[in-house]
PDB file of all heavy atoms in Angstrom:
ATOM      1  N   HIS A   1      95.847 105.766  91.968  1.00  0.00           N
ATOM      2  CA  HIS A   1      95.449 107.065  91.473  1.00  0.00           C
ATOM      3  C   HIS A   1      96.684 107.795  90.969  1.00  0.00           C
ATOM      4  O   HIS A   1      96.561 108.523  89.941  1.00  0.00           O
ATOM      5  CB  HIS A   1      94.719 107.835  92.518  1.00  0.00           C
ATOM      6  CG  HIS A   1      93.378 107.538  92.830  1.00  0.00           C
ATOM      7  ND1 HIS A   1      92.325 107.800  91.940  1.00  0.00           N
ATOM      8  CD2 HIS A   1      92.842 106.693  93.775  1.00  0.00           C
ATOM      9  CE1 HIS A   1      91.154 107.321  92.356  1.00  0.00           C
ATOM     10  NE2 HIS A   1      91.387 106.542  93.522  1.00  0.00           N
ATOM     11  N   GLY A   2      97.818 107.746  91.536  1.00  0.00           N
ATOM     12  CA  GLY A   2      98.934 108.254  91.151  1.00  0.00           C
ATOM     13  C   GLY A   2      99.466 107.661  90.005  1.00  0.00           C
ATOM     14  O   GLY A   2      99.957 108.386  88.956  1.00  0.00           O
ATOM     15  N   ALA A   3      99.414 106.403  89.808  1.00  0.00           N
ATOM     16  CA  ALA A   3      99.770 105.671  88.588  1.00  0.00           C
ATOM     17  C   ALA A   3      99.041 106.209  87.329  1.00  0.00           C
ATOM     18  O   ALA A   3      99.464 106.370  86.309  1.00  0.00           O
ATOM     19  CB  ALA A   3      99.791 104.294  88.766  1.00  0.00           C
ATOM     20  N   GLN A   4      97.693 106.284  87.648  1.00  0.00           N
ATOM     21  CA  GLN A   4      96.850 106.818  86.606  1.00  0.00           C
ATOM     22  C   GLN A   4      97.243 108.223  86.080  1.00  0.00           C
ATOM     23  O   GLN A   4      97.368 108.459  84.776  1.00  0.00           O
ATOM     24  CB  GLN A   4      95.481 107.170  87.196  1.00  0.00           C
ATOM     25  CG  GLN A   4      94.507 105.973  87.129  1.00  0.00           C
ATOM     26  CD  GLN A   4      93.104 106.402  87.675  1.00  0.00           C
ATOM     27  OE1 GLN A   4      92.999 107.150  88.471  1.00  0.00           O
ATOM     28  NE2 GLN A   4      92.070 105.767  86.990  1.00  0.00           N
ATOM     29  N   LYS A   5      97.635 109.142  86.999  1.00  0.00           N
ATOM     30  CA  LYS A   5      98.059 110.441  86.701  1.00  0.00           C
ATOM     31  C   LYS A   5      99.430 110.466  85.875  1.00  0.00           C
ATOM     32  O   LYS A   5      99.620 111.233  85.005  1.00  0.00           O
ATOM     33  CB  LYS A   5      98.067 111.398  87.865  1.00  0.00           C
ATOM     34  CG  LYS A   5      96.662 111.711  88.301  1.00  0.00           C
ATOM     35  CD  LYS A   5      96.687 112.532  89.592  1.00  0.00           C
ATOM     36  CE  LYS A   5      95.415 112.846  90.038  1.00  0.00           C
ATOM     37  NZ  LYS A   5      94.664 111.659  90.575  1.00  0.00           N
ATOM     38  N   LEU A   6     100.366 109.684  86.487  1.00  0.00           N
ATOM     39  CA  LEU A   6     101.837 109.757  86.030  1.00  0.00           C
ATOM     40  C   LEU A   6     102.045 108.977  84.642  1.00  0.00           C
ATOM     41  O   LEU A   6     102.801 109.356  83.945  1.00  0.00           O
ATOM     42  CB  LEU A   6     102.751 109.265  87.062  1.00  0.00           C
ATOM     43  CG  LEU A   6     102.870 110.216  88.271  1.00  0.00           C
ATOM     44  CD1 LEU A   6     103.786 109.680  89.361  1.00  0.00           C
ATOM     45  CD2 LEU A   6     103.205 111.750  87.923  1.00  0.00           C
ATOM     46  N   PHE A   7     101.378 107.784  84.662  1.00  0.00           N
ATOM     47  CA  PHE A   7     101.764 106.839  83.569  1.00  0.00           C
ATOM     48  C   PHE A   7     100.467 106.651  82.600  1.00  0.00           C
ATOM     49  O   PHE A   7     100.777 105.932  81.615  1.00  0.00           O
ATOM     50  CB  PHE A   7     102.242 105.542  84.149  1.00  0.00           C
ATOM     51  CG  PHE A   7     103.373 105.578  85.110  1.00  0.00           C
ATOM     52  CD1 PHE A   7     103.232 105.298  86.389  1.00  0.00           C
ATOM     53  CD2 PHE A   7     104.512 106.300  84.827  1.00  0.00           C
ATOM     54  CE1 PHE A   7     104.172 105.345  87.420  1.00  0.00           C
ATOM     55  CE2 PHE A   7     105.534 106.441  85.744  1.00  0.00           C
ATOM     56  CZ  PHE A   7     105.397 105.967  86.996  1.00  0.00           C
ATOM     57  N   GLY A   8      99.424 107.134  82.924  1.00  0.00           N
ATOM     58  CA  GLY A   8      98.270 107.021  82.024  1.00  0.00           C
ATOM     59  C   GLY A   8      97.643 105.533  81.996  1.00  0.00           C
ATOM     60  O   GLY A   8      96.953 105.126  81.142  1.00  0.00           O
ATOM     61  N   VAL A   9      97.948 104.752  83.041  1.00  0.00           N
ATOM     62  CA  VAL A   9      97.508 103.432  83.171  1.00  0.00           C
ATOM     63  C   VAL A   9      96.173 103.309  84.016  1.00  0.00           C
ATOM     64  O   VAL A   9      95.967 104.398  84.603  1.00  0.00           O
ATOM     65  CB  VAL A   9      98.606 102.542  83.773  1.00  0.00           C
ATOM     66  CG1 VAL A   9      99.820 102.375  82.939  1.00  0.00           C
ATOM     67  CG2 VAL A   9      99.020 102.915  85.184  1.00  0.00           C
ATOM     68  N   LEU A  10      95.598 102.303  84.036  1.00  0.00           N
ATOM     69  CA  LEU A  10      94.422 102.039  84.899  1.00  0.00           C
ATOM     70  C   LEU A  10      93.269 103.064  84.619  1.00  0.00           C
ATOM     71  O   LEU A  10      92.698 103.608  85.534  1.00  0.00           O
ATOM     72  CB  LEU A  10      94.802 102.108  86.331  1.00  0.00           C
ATOM     73  CG  LEU A  10      95.856 101.151  86.826  1.00  0.00           C
ATOM     74  CD1 LEU A  10      96.304 101.370  88.161  1.00  0.00           C
ATOM     75  CD2 LEU A  10      95.474  99.655  86.692  1.00  0.00           C
ATOM     76  N   GLY A  11      93.147 103.405  83.371  1.00  0.00           N
ATOM     77  CA  GLY A  11      92.082 104.441  82.990  1.00  0.00           C
ATOM     78  C   GLY A  11      92.694 105.736  82.654  1.00  0.00           C
ATOM     79  O   GLY A  11      92.110 106.489  81.811  1.00  0.00           O
ATOM     80  N   GLY A  12      93.898 106.039  83.265  1.00  0.00           N
ATOM     81  CA  GLY A  12      94.531 107.238  82.840  1.00  0.00           C
ATOM     82  C   GLY A  12      93.815 108.565  83.001  1.00  0.00           C
ATOM     83  O   GLY A  12      92.622 108.518  83.443  1.00  0.00           O
ATOM     84  N   VAL A  13      94.490 109.626  82.735  1.00  0.00           N
ATOM     85  CA  VAL A  13      93.764 110.981  82.823  1.00  0.00           C
ATOM     86  C   VAL A  13      94.298 111.744  81.490  1.00  0.00           C
ATOM     87  O   VAL A  13      95.214 111.228  80.800  1.00  0.00           O
ATOM     88  CB  VAL A  13      94.194 111.719  83.974  1.00  0.00           C
ATOM     89  CG1 VAL A  13      93.665 111.087  85.262  1.00  0.00           C
ATOM     90  CG2 VAL A  13      95.621 111.976  84.161  1.00  0.00           C
ATOM     91  N   GLY A  14      93.671 112.763  81.219  1.00  0.00           N
ATOM     92  CA  GLY A  14      94.048 113.530  80.115  1.00  0.00           C
ATOM     93  C   GLY A  14      93.561 113.032  78.828  1.00  0.00           C
ATOM     94  O   GLY A  14      92.747 112.040  78.847  1.00  0.00           O
ATOM     95  N   PRO A  15      93.941 113.569  77.627  1.00  0.00           N
ATOM     96  CA  PRO A  15      93.457 113.246  76.337  1.00  0.00           C
ATOM     97  C   PRO A  15      93.778 111.730  76.119  1.00  0.00           C
ATOM     98  O   PRO A  15      94.912 111.377  76.213  1.00  0.00           O
ATOM     99  CB  PRO A  15      94.046 114.135  75.408  1.00  0.00           C
ATOM    100  CG  PRO A  15      95.186 114.861  76.220  1.00  0.00           C
ATOM    101  CD  PRO A  15      94.879 114.679  77.551  1.00  0.00           C
ATOM    102  N   ALA A  16      92.779 111.028  75.642  1.00  0.00           N
ATOM    103  CA  ALA A  16      93.089 109.557  75.235  1.00  0.00           C
ATOM    104  C   ALA A  16      93.723 108.747  76.432  1.00  0.00           C
ATOM    105  O   ALA A  16      94.466 107.859  76.066  1.00  0.00           O
ATOM    106  CB  ALA A  16      93.848 109.514  74.033  1.00  0.00           C
ATOM    107  N   GLY A  17      93.416 109.038  77.687  1.00  0.00           N
ATOM    108  CA  GLY A  17      94.015 108.265  78.760  1.00  0.00           C
ATOM    109  C   GLY A  17      95.539 108.398  78.946  1.00  0.00           C
ATOM    110  O   GLY A  17      96.198 107.596  79.563  1.00  0.00           O
ATOM    111  N   GLY A  18      96.080 109.630  78.408  1.00  0.00           N
ATOM    112  CA  GLY A  18      97.486 109.914  78.566  1.00  0.00           C
ATOM    113  C   GLY A  18      97.953 110.286  79.944  1.00  0.00           C
ATOM    114  O   GLY A  18      97.048 110.528  80.734  1.00  0.00           O
ATOM    115  N   ALA A  19      99.292 110.255  80.068  1.00  0.00           N
ATOM    116  CA  ALA A  19      99.762 110.662  81.373  1.00  0.00           C
ATOM    117  C   ALA A  19      99.785 112.265  81.485  1.00  0.00           C
ATOM    118  O   ALA A  19      99.895 112.885  80.517  1.00  0.00           O
ATOM    119  CB  ALA A  19     101.110 110.188  81.545  1.00  0.00           C
ATOM    120  N   ALA A  20      99.726 112.768  82.862  1.00  0.00           N
ATOM    121  CA  ALA A  20      99.747 114.178  83.018  1.00  0.00           C
ATOM    122  C   ALA A  20     101.234 114.754  82.813  1.00  0.00           C
ATOM    123  O   ALA A  20     102.140 113.941  83.202  1.00  0.00           O
ATOM    124  CB  ALA A  20      99.168 114.552  84.437  1.00  0.00           C
ATOM    125  N   PRO A  21     101.451 115.837  82.398  1.00  0.00           N
ATOM    126  CA  PRO A  21     102.782 116.408  82.443  1.00  0.00           C
ATOM    127  C   PRO A  21     103.371 116.448  83.886  1.00  0.00           C
ATOM    128  O   PRO A  21     102.742 116.859  84.812  1.00  0.00           O
ATOM    129  CB  PRO A  21     102.744 117.872  81.875  1.00  0.00           C
ATOM    130  CG  PRO A  21     101.367 117.887  81.260  1.00  0.00           C
ATOM    131  CD  PRO A  21     100.491 116.816  81.954  1.00  0.00           C
ATOM    132  N   LEU A  22     104.648 115.980  83.957  1.00  0.00           N
ATOM    133  CA  LEU A  22     105.237 115.781  85.367  1.00  0.00           C
ATOM    134  C   LEU A  22     105.314 117.143  86.085  1.00  0.00           C
ATOM    135  O   LEU A  22     104.997 117.217  87.213  1.00  0.00           O
ATOM    136  CB  LEU A  22     106.584 115.231  85.181  1.00  0.00           C
ATOM    137  CG  LEU A  22     107.231 114.706  86.476  1.00  0.00           C
ATOM    138  CD1 LEU A  22     106.358 113.733  87.200  1.00  0.00           C
ATOM    139  CD2 LEU A  22     108.581 114.111  86.165  1.00  0.00           C
ATOM    140  N   PHE A  23     105.619 118.267  85.416  1.00  0.00           N
ATOM    141  CA  PHE A  23     105.770 119.507  85.993  1.00  0.00           C
ATOM    142  C   PHE A  23     104.508 120.298  85.747  1.00  0.00           C
ATOM    143  O   PHE A  23     104.408 121.399  85.192  1.00  0.00           O
ATOM    144  CB  PHE A  23     106.984 120.407  85.502  1.00  0.00           C
ATOM    145  CG  PHE A  23     108.191 119.647  85.871  1.00  0.00           C
ATOM    146  CD1 PHE A  23     108.941 118.981  84.921  1.00  0.00           C
ATOM    147  CD2 PHE A  23     108.664 119.599  87.114  1.00  0.00           C
ATOM    148  CE1 PHE A  23     110.103 118.381  85.205  1.00  0.00           C
ATOM    149  CE2 PHE A  23     109.908 119.008  87.425  1.00  0.00           C
ATOM    150  CZ  PHE A  23     110.625 118.302  86.509  1.00  0.00           C
ATOM    151  N   SER A  24     103.398 119.831  86.333  1.00  0.00           N
ATOM    152  CA  SER A  24     102.133 120.481  86.366  1.00  0.00           C
ATOM    153  C   SER A  24     101.374 120.086  87.731  1.00  0.00           C
ATOM    154  O   SER A  24     101.934 119.317  88.588  1.00  0.00           O
ATOM    155  CB  SER A  24     101.234 119.998  85.205  1.00  0.00           C
ATOM    156  OG  SER A  24     100.799 118.688  85.536  1.00  0.00           O
ATOM    157  N   MET A  25     100.294 120.731  87.979  1.00  0.00           N
ATOM    158  CA  MET A  25      99.642 120.465  89.188  1.00  0.00           C
ATOM    159  C   MET A  25      99.140 118.990  89.255  1.00  0.00           C
ATOM    160  O   MET A  25      99.287 118.344  90.322  1.00  0.00           O
ATOM    161  CB  MET A  25      98.369 121.310  89.311  1.00  0.00           C
ATOM    162  CG  MET A  25      97.891 121.358  90.842  1.00  0.00           C
ATOM    163  SD  MET A  25      96.553 122.614  91.154  1.00  0.00           S
ATOM    164  CE  MET A  25      97.148 124.148  90.362  1.00  0.00           C
ATOM    165  N   MET A  26      98.624 118.467  88.066  1.00  0.00           N
ATOM    166  CA  MET A  26      98.289 117.176  87.963  1.00  0.00           C
ATOM    167  C   MET A  26      99.527 116.162  88.224  1.00  0.00           C
ATOM    168  O   MET A  26      99.374 115.127  88.835  1.00  0.00           O
ATOM    169  CB  MET A  26      97.536 116.844  86.727  1.00  0.00           C
ATOM    170  CG  MET A  26      96.863 115.480  86.604  1.00  0.00           C
ATOM    171  SD  MET A  26      95.484 115.368  87.760  1.00  0.00           S
ATOM    172  CE  MET A  26      94.191 116.324  86.812  1.00  0.00           C
ATOM    173  N   GLY A  27     100.656 116.565  87.643  1.00  0.00           N
ATOM    174  CA  GLY A  27     101.883 115.833  87.853  1.00  0.00           C
ATOM    175  C   GLY A  27     102.287 115.654  89.321  1.00  0.00           C
ATOM    176  O   GLY A  27     102.715 114.682  89.732  1.00  0.00           O
ATOM    177  N   LEU A  28     102.195 116.889  89.956  1.00  0.00           N
ATOM    178  CA  LEU A  28     102.623 116.903  91.424  1.00  0.00           C
ATOM    179  C   LEU A  28     101.736 116.082  92.227  1.00  0.00           C
ATOM    180  O   LEU A  28     102.142 115.340  93.108  1.00  0.00           O
ATOM    181  CB  LEU A  28     102.688 118.349  91.895  1.00  0.00           C
ATOM    182  CG  LEU A  28     103.020 118.492  93.294  1.00  0.00           C
ATOM    183  CD1 LEU A  28     104.331 117.933  93.771  1.00  0.00           C
ATOM    184  CD2 LEU A  28     102.892 119.951  93.821  1.00  0.00           C
ATOM    185  N   ALA A  29     100.346 116.120  91.791  1.00  0.00           N
ATOM    186  CA  ALA A  29      99.385 115.333  92.598  1.00  0.00           C
ATOM    187  C   ALA A  29      99.737 113.804  92.403  1.00  0.00           C
ATOM    188  O   ALA A  29      99.637 113.010  93.337  1.00  0.00           O
ATOM    189  CB  ALA A  29      98.005 115.691  92.147  1.00  0.00           C
ATOM    190  N   GLY A  30     100.141 113.487  91.064  1.00  0.00           N
ATOM    191  CA  GLY A  30     100.347 112.080  90.795  1.00  0.00           C
ATOM    192  C   GLY A  30     101.628 111.651  91.595  1.00  0.00           C
ATOM    193  O   GLY A  30     101.683 110.589  92.085  1.00  0.00           O
ATOM    194  N   ILE A  31     102.634 112.459  91.768  1.00  0.00           N
ATOM    195  CA  ILE A  31     103.844 112.108  92.543  1.00  0.00           C
ATOM    196  C   ILE A  31     103.456 111.897  94.011  1.00  0.00           C
ATOM    197  O   ILE A  31     103.891 110.899  94.614  1.00  0.00           O
ATOM    198  CB  ILE A  31     104.912 113.144  92.377  1.00  0.00           C
ATOM    199  CG1 ILE A  31     105.506 113.183  90.989  1.00  0.00           C
ATOM    200  CG2 ILE A  31     106.093 112.933  93.490  1.00  0.00           C
ATOM    201  CD1 ILE A  31     106.291 114.367  90.597  1.00  0.00           C
ATOM    202  N   ILE A  32     102.661 112.777  94.577  1.00  0.00           N
ATOM    203  CA  ILE A  32     102.302 112.685  96.014  1.00  0.00           C
ATOM    204  C   ILE A  32     101.425 111.400  96.088  1.00  0.00           C
ATOM    205  O   ILE A  32     101.674 110.637  97.075  1.00  0.00           O
ATOM    206  CB  ILE A  32     101.435 113.907  96.445  1.00  0.00           C
ATOM    207  CG1 ILE A  32     102.429 115.205  96.493  1.00  0.00           C
ATOM    208  CG2 ILE A  32     100.812 113.591  97.779  1.00  0.00           C
ATOM    209  CD1 ILE A  32     101.604 116.435  96.724  1.00  0.00           C
ATOM    210  N   GLU A  33     100.520 111.145  95.215  1.00  0.00           N
ATOM    211  CA  GLU A  33      99.661 109.946  95.197  1.00  0.00           C
ATOM    212  C   GLU A  33     100.430 108.587  95.168  1.00  0.00           C
ATOM    213  O   GLU A  33     100.287 107.721  95.886  1.00  0.00           O
ATOM    214  CB  GLU A  33      98.537 110.111  94.240  1.00  0.00           C
ATOM    215  CG  GLU A  33      97.529 111.137  94.680  1.00  0.00           C
ATOM    216  CD  GLU A  33      96.623 111.433  93.563  1.00  0.00           C
ATOM    217  OE1 GLU A  33      96.451 110.744  92.538  1.00  0.00           O
ATOM    218  OE2 GLU A  33      95.819 112.545  93.647  1.00  0.00           O
ATOM    219  N   LEU A  34     101.354 108.564  94.130  1.00  0.00           N
ATOM    220  CA  LEU A  34     102.029 107.385  93.880  1.00  0.00           C
ATOM    221  C   LEU A  34     103.064 107.116  95.059  1.00  0.00           C
ATOM    222  O   LEU A  34     102.975 106.055  95.705  1.00  0.00           O
ATOM    223  CB  LEU A  34     102.787 107.347  92.590  1.00  0.00           C
ATOM    224  CG  LEU A  34     103.602 106.210  92.171  1.00  0.00           C
ATOM    225  CD1 LEU A  34     102.672 104.938  92.068  1.00  0.00           C
ATOM    226  CD2 LEU A  34     104.457 106.340  90.906  1.00  0.00           C
ATOM    227  N   LEU A  35     103.914 108.027  95.304  1.00  0.00           N
ATOM    228  CA  LEU A  35     104.978 107.818  96.369  1.00  0.00           C
ATOM    229  C   LEU A  35     104.271 107.792  97.695  1.00  0.00           C
ATOM    230  O   LEU A  35     104.704 106.919  98.599  1.00  0.00           O
ATOM    231  CB  LEU A  35     106.024 108.861  96.184  1.00  0.00           C
ATOM    232  CG  LEU A  35     106.814 108.793  94.874  1.00  0.00           C
ATOM    233  CD1 LEU A  35     107.890 109.896  94.931  1.00  0.00           C
ATOM    234  CD2 LEU A  35     107.505 107.415  94.658  1.00  0.00           C
ATOM    235  N   GLY A  36     103.388 108.685  97.890  1.00  0.00           N
ATOM    236  CA  GLY A  36     102.658 108.787  99.294  1.00  0.00           C
ATOM    237  C   GLY A  36     101.911 107.459  99.481  1.00  0.00           C
ATOM    238  O   GLY A  36     101.961 106.911 100.536  1.00  0.00           O
TER     239      GLY A  36
END
């Protein structure tokens, strides 16, 4: 789930499956999810 948010892979999030901006709530969630 974190990889989806941070890198836009595995279905991705955002417009056209792109990655979420790193310094956003979705970016922070992606960091917690990937590293956690």
